[in-house]
Amino acid sequence: MDRVLTWWDGVQALVIAGALKVAAAILLYMVGRWLISFAIRALTGVLTRRNFDATLQRYIANILAVVLNVVLVIAILGYFGLETTSFAALLAGVGLAIGAAWSGLLGNFAAGAFLIIFRPYKVGDYVVAGGVEGTVVEIGLFNTTITAPDNVTTIVGNNKVSSEIIKNFSHNPYRRVERFAQLAFGVNPAEAIALLKADLATIPNVMAEPAPDVEILDFNERGTLLAVRPYCHTDHFWQVWFDTNRLIAEKFGAAGLPAPRTVHDVRQVE
């Protein structure tokens, strides 16, 4: 009977010790999670006060959350007496295998970090990136979302964007609208230039400085070719483009300038 009582006392002691350890582990987990949340909130507050980009804030916060949660799990396993060194090695091996399988996805992730840090463009910019032209709607961790002028949304991998040429039309305060006016043979280029220059500046959203350019660009088989170049903000580019075309047609029509046509040199061979 004494042996049974001794055994029972030993079992009770083990159960109580185990229960205390489990309770302590749960408490450690809850405190750890609270500390992780506090650290992320504190970091986000610091980044916000320093005017960091919102996407960059989420990016850094997500990385910090993953790292701290892994540390917390390893700490709890170590508290239970498990060999954390082998667990860390196993975790590293699993990470390496996942990295090899998801190399393209991780490439987009790394490229997204560089895009967010170096910021060749930002949300709202009009760009050509990854072979896609349009307005940047979102810069994600893996992809950039671009809406084209015809309102089609395209999602481009960040790795493709960072590995190709990026054109940012919104980086500078204005851009040039490049249009052409073809004159027929016999039309005085100076008179045509005066006709256009007088009213180009009256087009809505055309900038006064730099002033619009109208110059002789070339000569071809149809006559003289004029370059018509007003300047405007990127937001008004297409409106100025179409209004410039309309102005060229209206001014030349009102002035009665002949329509250009190709002139062929025909010679009779006897």
C-alpha atoms as a PDB file:
ATOM      1  CA  MET A   1       0.000   0.000   0.000  1.00  0.00           C
ATOM      2  CA  ASP A   2       2.836   2.370   0.843  1.00  0.00           C
ATOM      3  CA  ARG A   3       4.397   1.722  -2.593  1.00  0.00           C
ATOM      4  CA  VAL A   4       1.097   2.576  -4.291  1.00  0.00           C
ATOM      5  CA  LEU A   5       0.809   5.778  -2.303  1.00  0.00           C
ATOM      6  CA  THR A   6       4.400   6.672  -3.140  1.00  0.00           C
ATOM      7  CA  TRP A   7       3.741   5.999  -6.842  1.00  0.00           C
ATOM      8  CA  TRP A   8       0.587   8.088  -6.734  1.00  0.00           C
ATOM      9  CA  ASP A   9       2.407  10.951  -5.040  1.00  0.00           C
ATOM     10  CA  GLY A  10       5.055  10.793  -7.787  1.00  0.00           C
ATOM     11  CA  VAL A  11       2.400  10.851 -10.496  1.00  0.00           C
ATOM     12  CA  GLN A  12       0.674  13.815  -8.866  1.00  0.00           C
ATOM     13  CA  ALA A  13       3.953  15.685  -8.646  1.00  0.00           C
ATOM     14  CA  LEU A  14       4.658  15.035 -12.338  1.00  0.00           C
ATOM     15  CA  VAL A  15       1.157  16.103 -13.380  1.00  0.00           C
ATOM     16  CA  ILE A  16       1.354  19.257 -11.271  1.00  0.00           C
ATOM     17  CA  ALA A  17       4.830  20.079 -12.627  1.00  0.00           C
ATOM     18  CA  GLY A  18       3.649  19.450 -16.188  1.00  0.00           C
ATOM     19  CA  ALA A  19       0.533  21.528 -15.715  1.00  0.00           C
ATOM     20  CA  LEU A  20       2.594  24.370 -14.259  1.00  0.00           C
ATOM     21  CA  LYS A  21       4.986  24.154 -17.188  1.00  0.00           C
ATOM     22  CA  VAL A  22       2.119  24.209 -19.705  1.00  0.00           C
ATOM     23  CA  ALA A  23       0.511  27.142 -17.901  1.00  0.00           C
ATOM     24  CA  ALA A  24       3.842  28.951 -17.840  1.00  0.00           C
ATOM     25  CA  ALA A  25       4.299  28.244 -21.584  1.00  0.00           C
ATOM     26  CA  ILE A  26       0.816  29.607 -22.328  1.00  0.00           C
ATOM     27  CA  LEU A  27       1.569  32.678 -20.232  1.00  0.00           C
ATOM     28  CA  LEU A  28       4.910  33.070 -22.000  1.00  0.00           C
ATOM     29  CA  TYR A  29       3.166  32.812 -25.368  1.00  0.00           C
ATOM     30  CA  MET A  30       0.532  35.402 -24.425  1.00  0.00           C
ATOM     31  CA  VAL A  31       3.128  37.809 -23.040  1.00  0.00           C
ATOM     32  CA  GLY A  32       5.327  37.212 -26.099  1.00  0.00           C
ATOM     33  CA  ARG A  33       2.463  37.915 -28.483  1.00  0.00           C
ATOM     34  CA  TRP A  34       1.623  41.097 -26.593  1.00  0.00           C
ATOM     35  CA  LEU A  35       5.251  42.213 -26.730  1.00  0.00           C
ATOM     36  CA  ILE A  36       5.378  41.448 -30.481  1.00  0.00           C
ATOM     37  CA  SER A  37       2.225  43.490 -31.092  1.00  0.00           C
ATOM     38  CA  PHE A  38       3.636  46.314 -28.973  1.00  0.00           C
ATOM     39  CA  ALA A  39       6.937  46.249 -30.880  1.00  0.00           C
ATOM     40  CA  ILE A  40       5.139  46.336 -34.262  1.00  0.00           C
ATOM     41  CA  ARG A  41       2.890  49.210 -33.143  1.00  0.00           C
ATOM     42  CA  ALA A  42       5.884  51.118 -31.826  1.00  0.00           C
ATOM     43  CA  LEU A  43       7.832  50.575 -35.047  1.00  0.00           C
ATOM     44  CA  THR A  44       4.838  51.610 -37.167  1.00  0.00           C
ATOM     45  CA  GLY A  45       4.441  54.763 -35.071  1.00  0.00           C
ATOM     46  CA  VAL A  46       8.097  55.683 -35.540  1.00  0.00           C
ATOM     47  CA  LEU A  47       7.915  55.087 -39.304  1.00  0.00           C
ATOM     48  CA  THR A  48       4.704  57.132 -39.550  1.00  0.00           C
ATOM     49  CA  ARG A  49       6.263  60.065 -37.696  1.00  0.00           C
ATOM     50  CA  ARG A  50       9.232  59.904 -40.077  1.00  0.00           C
ATOM     51  CA  ASN A  51       6.810  60.002 -43.059  1.00  0.00           C
ATOM     52  CA  PHE A  52       7.741  56.558 -44.372  1.00  0.00           C
ATOM     53  CA  ASP A  53       5.706  55.255 -47.289  1.00  0.00           C
ATOM     54  CA  ALA A  54       2.638  53.260 -46.108  1.00  0.00           C
ATOM     55  CA  THR A  55       3.588  50.268 -48.257  1.00  0.00           C
ATOM     56  CA  LEU A  56       7.106  50.279 -46.829  1.00  0.00           C
ATOM     57  CA  GLN A  57       5.668  50.382 -43.305  1.00  0.00           C
ATOM     58  CA  ARG A  58       3.551  47.276 -43.922  1.00  0.00           C
ATOM     59  CA  TYR A  59       6.517  45.559 -45.564  1.00  0.00           C
ATOM     60  CA  ILE A  60       8.841  46.132 -42.581  1.00  0.00           C
ATOM     61  CA  ALA A  61       6.112  45.305 -40.033  1.00  0.00           C
ATOM     62  CA  ASN A  62       5.347  41.967 -41.731  1.00  0.00           C
ATOM     63  CA  ILE A  63       9.015  40.961 -41.768  1.00  0.00           C
ATOM     64  CA  LEU A  64       9.429  41.912 -38.091  1.00  0.00           C
ATOM     65  CA  ALA A  65       6.281  39.974 -37.117  1.00  0.00           C
ATOM     66  CA  VAL A  66       7.489  36.786 -38.836  1.00  0.00           C
ATOM     67  CA  VAL A  67      10.974  36.976 -37.261  1.00  0.00           C
ATOM     68  CA  LEU A  68       9.685  37.671 -33.734  1.00  0.00           C
ATOM     69  CA  ASN A  69       7.067  34.907 -33.914  1.00  0.00           C
ATOM     70  CA  VAL A  70       9.713  32.375 -34.974  1.00  0.00           C
ATOM     71  CA  VAL A  71      11.923  33.504 -32.047  1.00  0.00           C
ATOM     72  CA  LEU A  72       8.964  33.139 -29.671  1.00  0.00           C
ATOM     73  CA  VAL A  73       8.212  29.586 -30.808  1.00  0.00           C
ATOM     74  CA  ILE A  74      11.872  28.569 -30.474  1.00  0.00           C
ATOM     75  CA  ALA A  75      11.995  30.105 -26.979  1.00  0.00           C
ATOM     76  CA  ILE A  76       8.899  28.162 -25.865  1.00  0.00           C
ATOM     77  CA  LEU A  77      10.332  24.898 -27.244  1.00  0.00           C
ATOM     78  CA  GLY A  78      13.584  25.605 -25.398  1.00  0.00           C
ATOM     79  CA  TYR A  79      11.602  26.158 -22.187  1.00  0.00           C
ATOM     80  CA  PHE A  80      10.170  22.633 -22.540  1.00  0.00           C
ATOM     81  CA  GLY A  81      13.690  21.264 -22.841  1.00  0.00           C
ATOM     82  CA  LEU A  82      13.638  20.534 -26.568  1.00  0.00           C
ATOM     83  CA  GLU A  83      16.875  20.916 -28.537  1.00  0.00           C
ATOM     84  CA  THR A  84      16.341  24.208 -30.330  1.00  0.00           C
ATOM     85  CA  THR A  85      19.593  23.969 -32.284  1.00  0.00           C
ATOM     86  CA  SER A  86      18.347  21.036 -34.328  1.00  0.00           C
ATOM     87  CA  PHE A  87      14.965  22.718 -34.681  1.00  0.00           C
ATOM     88  CA  ALA A  88      16.620  25.869 -36.019  1.00  0.00           C
ATOM     89  CA  ALA A  89      18.638  23.755 -38.469  1.00  0.00           C
ATOM     90  CA  LEU A  90      15.451  21.999 -39.585  1.00  0.00           C
ATOM     91  CA  LEU A  91      13.706  25.349 -39.987  1.00  0.00           C
ATOM     92  CA  ALA A  92      16.615  26.646 -42.056  1.00  0.00           C
ATOM     93  CA  GLY A  93      16.491  23.532 -44.266  1.00  0.00           C
ATOM     94  CA  VAL A  94      12.748  23.905 -44.787  1.00  0.00           C
ATOM     95  CA  GLY A  95      13.254  27.582 -45.612  1.00  0.00           C
ATOM     96  CA  LEU A  96      15.946  26.682 -48.137  1.00  0.00           C
ATOM     97  CA  ALA A  97      13.680  24.113 -49.795  1.00  0.00           C
ATOM     98  CA  ILE A  98      10.777  26.544 -49.940  1.00  0.00           C
ATOM     99  CA  GLY A  99      13.102  29.234 -51.283  1.00  0.00           C
ATOM    100  CA  ALA A 100      14.268  26.941 -54.080  1.00  0.00           C
ATOM    101  CA  ALA A 101      10.686  26.006 -54.969  1.00  0.00           C
ATOM    102  CA  TRP A 102       9.446  29.588 -54.802  1.00  0.00           C
ATOM    103  CA  SER A 103      12.487  31.293 -56.275  1.00  0.00           C
ATOM    104  CA  GLY A 104      10.362  33.351 -58.662  1.00  0.00           C
ATOM    105  CA  LEU A 105       8.031  34.470 -55.871  1.00  0.00           C
ATOM    106  CA  LEU A 106      10.943  35.350 -53.601  1.00  0.00           C
ATOM    107  CA  GLY A 107      12.557  37.202 -56.504  1.00  0.00           C
ATOM    108  CA  ASN A 108       9.413  39.330 -56.776  1.00  0.00           C
ATOM    109  CA  PHE A 109       9.509  39.828 -52.993  1.00  0.00           C
ATOM    110  CA  ALA A 110      13.133  41.022 -53.060  1.00  0.00           C
ATOM    111  CA  ALA A 111      12.459  43.244 -56.074  1.00  0.00           C
ATOM    112  CA  GLY A 112       9.462  44.708 -54.260  1.00  0.00           C
ATOM    113  CA  ALA A 113      11.737  45.638 -51.345  1.00  0.00           C
ATOM    114  CA  PHE A 114      14.090  47.512 -53.680  1.00  0.00           C
ATOM    115  CA  LEU A 115      11.176  49.267 -55.413  1.00  0.00           C
ATOM    116  CA  ILE A 116       9.772  50.408 -52.087  1.00  0.00           C
ATOM    117  CA  ILE A 117      13.156  51.530 -50.742  1.00  0.00           C
ATOM    118  CA  PHE A 118      14.512  53.288 -53.834  1.00  0.00           C
ATOM    119  CA  ARG A 119      11.079  54.400 -55.118  1.00  0.00           C
ATOM    120  CA  PRO A 120      11.567  54.817 -58.870  1.00  0.00           C
ATOM    121  CA  TYR A 121       7.823  55.493 -58.882  1.00  0.00           C
ATOM    122  CA  LYS A 122       4.997  55.872 -56.386  1.00  0.00           C
ATOM    123  CA  VAL A 123       1.257  55.289 -56.341  1.00  0.00           C
ATOM    124  CA  GLY A 124      -0.431  57.717 -58.750  1.00  0.00           C
ATOM    125  CA  ASP A 125       2.543  58.049 -61.110  1.00  0.00           C
ATOM    126  CA  TYR A 126       2.081  57.479 -64.844  1.00  0.00           C
ATOM    127  CA  VAL A 127       4.757  55.008 -65.913  1.00  0.00           C
ATOM    128  CA  VAL A 128       5.915  52.412 -68.378  1.00  0.00           C
ATOM    129  CA  ALA A 129       7.047  49.509 -66.195  1.00  0.00           C
ATOM    130  CA  GLY A 130       7.495  45.872 -67.135  1.00  0.00           C
ATOM    131  CA  GLY A 131       6.291  46.694 -70.644  1.00  0.00           C
ATOM    132  CA  VAL A 132       2.966  48.063 -69.305  1.00  0.00           C
ATOM    133  CA  GLU A 133       1.928  51.718 -69.560  1.00  0.00           C
ATOM    134  CA  GLY A 134      -0.515  53.356 -67.191  1.00  0.00           C
ATOM    135  CA  THR A 135      -1.101  54.773 -63.714  1.00  0.00           C
ATOM    136  CA  VAL A 136       0.334  52.957 -60.695  1.00  0.00           C
ATOM    137  CA  VAL A 137      -2.518  51.878 -58.423  1.00  0.00           C
ATOM    138  CA  GLU A 138      -0.644  49.753 -55.883  1.00  0.00           C
ATOM    139  CA  ILE A 139       2.928  48.687 -55.127  1.00  0.00           C
ATOM    140  CA  GLY A 140       2.602  45.315 -53.404  1.00  0.00           C
ATOM    141  CA  LEU A 141       5.189  43.014 -51.864  1.00  0.00           C
ATOM    142  CA  PHE A 142       5.198  40.816 -54.979  1.00  0.00           C
ATOM    143  CA  ASN A 143       3.402  42.757 -57.736  1.00  0.00           C
ATOM    144  CA  THR A 144       2.736  46.246 -59.041  1.00  0.00           C
ATOM    145  CA  THR A 145      -0.813  47.037 -60.162  1.00  0.00           C
ATOM    146  CA  ILE A 146      -1.113  49.411 -63.128  1.00  0.00           C
ATOM    147  CA  THR A 147      -4.289  50.775 -64.732  1.00  0.00           C
ATOM    148  CA  ALA A 148      -3.888  51.562 -68.442  1.00  0.00           C
ATOM    149  CA  PRO A 149      -5.511  54.594 -70.125  1.00  0.00           C
ATOM    150  CA  ASP A 150      -8.240  52.289 -71.502  1.00  0.00           C
ATOM    151  CA  ASN A 151      -9.091  51.358 -67.859  1.00  0.00           C
ATOM    152  CA  VAL A 152      -7.616  47.851 -68.038  1.00  0.00           C
ATOM    153  CA  THR A 153      -5.876  46.783 -64.823  1.00  0.00           C
ATOM    154  CA  THR A 154      -2.622  44.855 -65.253  1.00  0.00           C
ATOM    155  CA  ILE A 155      -0.668  43.151 -62.464  1.00  0.00           C
ATOM    156  CA  VAL A 156       3.075  42.941 -63.160  1.00  0.00           C
ATOM    157  CA  GLY A 157       5.621  40.971 -61.119  1.00  0.00           C
ATOM    158  CA  ASN A 158       8.049  43.265 -59.316  1.00  0.00           C
ATOM    159  CA  ASN A 159      11.001  41.225 -60.573  1.00  0.00           C
ATOM    160  CA  LYS A 160       9.980  41.922 -64.175  1.00  0.00           C
ATOM    161  CA  VAL A 161       9.531  45.604 -63.399  1.00  0.00           C
ATOM    162  CA  SER A 162      12.935  46.010 -61.732  1.00  0.00           C
ATOM    163  CA  SER A 163      14.770  44.053 -64.447  1.00  0.00           C
ATOM    164  CA  GLU A 164      13.487  46.256 -67.290  1.00  0.00           C
ATOM    165  CA  ILE A 165      13.590  49.946 -68.143  1.00  0.00           C
ATOM    166  CA  ILE A 166      11.188  52.103 -66.128  1.00  0.00           C
ATOM    167  CA  LYS A 167       9.813  55.339 -67.582  1.00  0.00           C
ATOM    168  CA  ASN A 168       8.242  57.658 -65.037  1.00  0.00           C
ATOM    169  CA  PHE A 169       6.274  60.398 -66.808  1.00  0.00           C
ATOM    170  CA  SER A 170       5.186  61.963 -63.499  1.00  0.00           C
ATOM    171  CA  HIS A 171       8.653  62.495 -62.057  1.00  0.00           C
ATOM    172  CA  ASN A 172       9.145  65.886 -63.730  1.00  0.00           C
ATOM    173  CA  PRO A 173       6.677  68.760 -63.321  1.00  0.00           C
ATOM    174  CA  TYR A 174       5.668  68.718 -67.008  1.00  0.00           C
ATOM    175  CA  ARG A 175       6.029  66.763 -70.235  1.00  0.00           C
ATOM    176  CA  ARG A 176       6.001  67.611 -73.938  1.00  0.00           C
ATOM    177  CA  VAL A 177       3.140  66.759 -76.268  1.00  0.00           C
ATOM    178  CA  GLU A 178       4.666  65.764 -79.619  1.00  0.00           C
ATOM    179  CA  ARG A 179       2.391  66.482 -82.596  1.00  0.00           C
ATOM    180  CA  PHE A 180       3.047  67.149 -86.298  1.00  0.00           C
ATOM    181  CA  ALA A 181       1.500  69.370 -88.966  1.00  0.00           C
ATOM    182  CA  GLN A 182       2.040  68.448 -92.605  1.00  0.00           C
ATOM    183  CA  LEU A 183       2.064  71.354 -95.076  1.00  0.00           C
ATOM    184  CA  ALA A 184       1.477  71.060 -98.800  1.00  0.00           C
ATOM    185  CA  PHE A 185       3.993  72.297-101.351  1.00  0.00           C
ATOM    186  CA  GLY A 186       3.650  76.030-101.897  1.00  0.00           C
ATOM    187  CA  VAL A 187       2.432  76.825 -98.349  1.00  0.00           C
ATOM    188  CA  ASN A 188       4.599  79.363 -96.561  1.00  0.00           C
ATOM    189  CA  PRO A 189       5.896  77.623 -93.374  1.00  0.00           C
ATOM    190  CA  ALA A 190       6.332  80.955 -91.554  1.00  0.00           C
ATOM    191  CA  GLU A 191       2.638  81.815 -92.048  1.00  0.00           C
ATOM    192  CA  ALA A 192       1.549  78.341 -90.892  1.00  0.00           C
ATOM    193  CA  ILE A 193       3.782  78.599 -87.809  1.00  0.00           C
ATOM    194  CA  ALA A 194       2.285  82.002 -86.958  1.00  0.00           C
ATOM    195  CA  LEU A 195      -1.244  80.588 -87.314  1.00  0.00           C
ATOM    196  CA  LEU A 196      -0.573  77.841 -84.769  1.00  0.00           C
ATOM    197  CA  LYS A 197       1.583  79.752 -82.295  1.00  0.00           C
ATOM    198  CA  ALA A 198      -1.073  82.415 -81.855  1.00  0.00           C
ATOM    199  CA  ASP A 199      -3.592  79.987 -80.378  1.00  0.00           C
ATOM    200  CA  LEU A 200      -1.563  77.067 -78.962  1.00  0.00           C
ATOM    201  CA  ALA A 201      -1.170  78.823 -75.612  1.00  0.00           C
ATOM    202  CA  THR A 202      -4.967  79.237 -75.350  1.00  0.00           C
ATOM    203  CA  ILE A 203      -5.546  75.473 -75.174  1.00  0.00           C
ATOM    204  CA  PRO A 204      -6.641  74.599 -71.609  1.00  0.00           C
ATOM    205  CA  ASN A 205      -3.835  73.303 -69.364  1.00  0.00           C
ATOM    206  CA  VAL A 206      -1.038  74.200 -71.814  1.00  0.00           C
ATOM    207  CA  MET A 207       1.833  75.720 -69.841  1.00  0.00           C
ATOM    208  CA  ALA A 208       2.998  79.255 -70.500  1.00  0.00           C
ATOM    209  CA  GLU A 209       6.558  78.336 -69.458  1.00  0.00           C
ATOM    210  CA  PRO A 210       8.093  76.638 -71.288  1.00  0.00           C
ATOM    211  CA  ALA A 211       6.228  78.183 -74.186  1.00  0.00           C
ATOM    212  CA  PRO A 212       4.827  75.942 -76.938  1.00  0.00           C
ATOM    213  CA  ASP A 213       7.163  75.219 -79.850  1.00  0.00           C
ATOM    214  CA  VAL A 214       6.214  75.242 -83.542  1.00  0.00           C
ATOM    215  CA  GLU A 215       9.215  74.664 -85.783  1.00  0.00           C
ATOM    216  CA  ILE A 216      10.139  73.155 -89.150  1.00  0.00           C
ATOM    217  CA  LEU A 217      11.012  69.538 -88.428  1.00  0.00           C
ATOM    218  CA  ASP A 218      11.656  68.079 -91.870  1.00  0.00           C
ATOM    219  CA  PHE A 219      10.920  68.139 -95.607  1.00  0.00           C
ATOM    220  CA  ASN A 220       9.353  65.182 -97.379  1.00  0.00           C
ATOM    221  CA  GLU A 221       7.587  64.192-100.591  1.00  0.00           C
ATOM    222  CA  ARG A 222       4.409  65.973 -99.456  1.00  0.00           C
ATOM    223  CA  GLY A 223       5.950  69.300 -98.440  1.00  0.00           C
ATOM    224  CA  THR A 224       7.152  70.832 -95.169  1.00  0.00           C
ATOM    225  CA  LEU A 225       6.612  68.986 -91.875  1.00  0.00           C
ATOM    226  CA  LEU A 226       6.117  71.094 -88.733  1.00  0.00           C
ATOM    227  CA  ALA A 227       6.760  69.960 -85.165  1.00  0.00           C
ATOM    228  CA  VAL A 228       3.983  71.212 -82.838  1.00  0.00           C
ATOM    229  CA  ARG A 229       5.011  70.886 -79.188  1.00  0.00           C
ATOM    230  CA  PRO A 230       2.933  72.287 -76.316  1.00  0.00           C
ATOM    231  CA  TYR A 231       3.887  71.449 -72.704  1.00  0.00           C
ATOM    232  CA  CYS A 232       1.565  70.334 -69.925  1.00  0.00           C
ATOM    233  CA  HIS A 233       1.285  68.301 -66.724  1.00  0.00           C
ATOM    234  CA  THR A 234       1.026  64.534 -67.166  1.00  0.00           C
ATOM    235  CA  ASP A 235      -2.564  64.536 -65.844  1.00  0.00           C
ATOM    236  CA  HIS A 236      -3.643  66.671 -68.841  1.00  0.00           C
ATOM    237  CA  PHE A 237      -1.532  64.974 -71.515  1.00  0.00           C
ATOM    238  CA  TRP A 238      -4.278  63.332 -73.552  1.00  0.00           C
ATOM    239  CA  GLN A 239      -6.604  66.323 -73.331  1.00  0.00           C
ATOM    240  CA  VAL A 240      -3.840  68.604 -74.686  1.00  0.00           C
ATOM    241  CA  TRP A 241      -2.936  65.987 -77.323  1.00  0.00           C
ATOM    242  CA  PHE A 242      -6.459  65.889 -78.765  1.00  0.00           C
ATOM    243  CA  ASP A 243      -7.025  69.638 -78.445  1.00  0.00           C
ATOM    244  CA  THR A 244      -3.782  70.280 -80.332  1.00  0.00           C
ATOM    245  CA  ASN A 245      -4.888  67.990 -83.161  1.00  0.00           C
ATOM    246  CA  ARG A 246      -8.218  69.815 -83.285  1.00  0.00           C
ATOM    247  CA  LEU A 247      -6.500  73.207 -83.336  1.00  0.00           C
ATOM    248  CA  ILE A 248      -4.249  72.225 -86.255  1.00  0.00           C
ATOM    249  CA  ALA A 249      -7.229  71.025 -88.309  1.00  0.00           C
ATOM    250  CA  GLU A 250      -9.376  74.068 -87.481  1.00  0.00           C
ATOM    251  CA  LYS A 251      -6.694  76.719 -88.095  1.00  0.00           C
ATOM    252  CA  PHE A 252      -5.495  75.232 -91.378  1.00  0.00           C
ATOM    253  CA  GLY A 253      -9.074  74.729 -92.561  1.00  0.00           C
ATOM    254  CA  ALA A 254     -10.108  78.281 -91.686  1.00  0.00           C
ATOM    255  CA  ALA A 255      -7.015  79.671 -93.455  1.00  0.00           C
ATOM    256  CA  GLY A 256      -7.881  77.668 -96.575  1.00  0.00           C
ATOM    257  CA  LEU A 257      -4.543  75.880 -96.716  1.00  0.00           C
ATOM    258  CA  PRO A 258      -4.522  73.105 -99.324  1.00  0.00           C
ATOM    259  CA  ALA A 259      -4.430  69.500 -98.179  1.00  0.00           C
ATOM    260  CA  PRO A 260      -0.966  67.963 -98.579  1.00  0.00           C
ATOM    261  CA  ARG A 261      -0.533  65.320-101.258  1.00  0.00           C
ATOM    262  CA  THR A 262       2.353  63.280-102.508  1.00  0.00           C
ATOM    263  CA  VAL A 263       4.037  64.773-105.578  1.00  0.00           C
ATOM    264  CA  HIS A 264       5.488  62.319-108.068  1.00  0.00           C
ATOM    265  CA  ASP A 265       8.175  63.300-110.537  1.00  0.00           C
ATOM    266  CA  VAL A 266       7.036  61.737-113.809  1.00  0.00           C
ATOM    267  CA  ARG A 267       9.382  61.955-116.771  1.00  0.00           C
ATOM    268  CA  GLN A 268       8.727  60.760-120.304  1.00  0.00           C
ATOM    269  CA  VAL A 269      11.489  58.636-121.721  1.00  0.00           C
ATOM    270  CA  GLU A 270      11.802  58.884-125.518  1.00  0.00           C
END
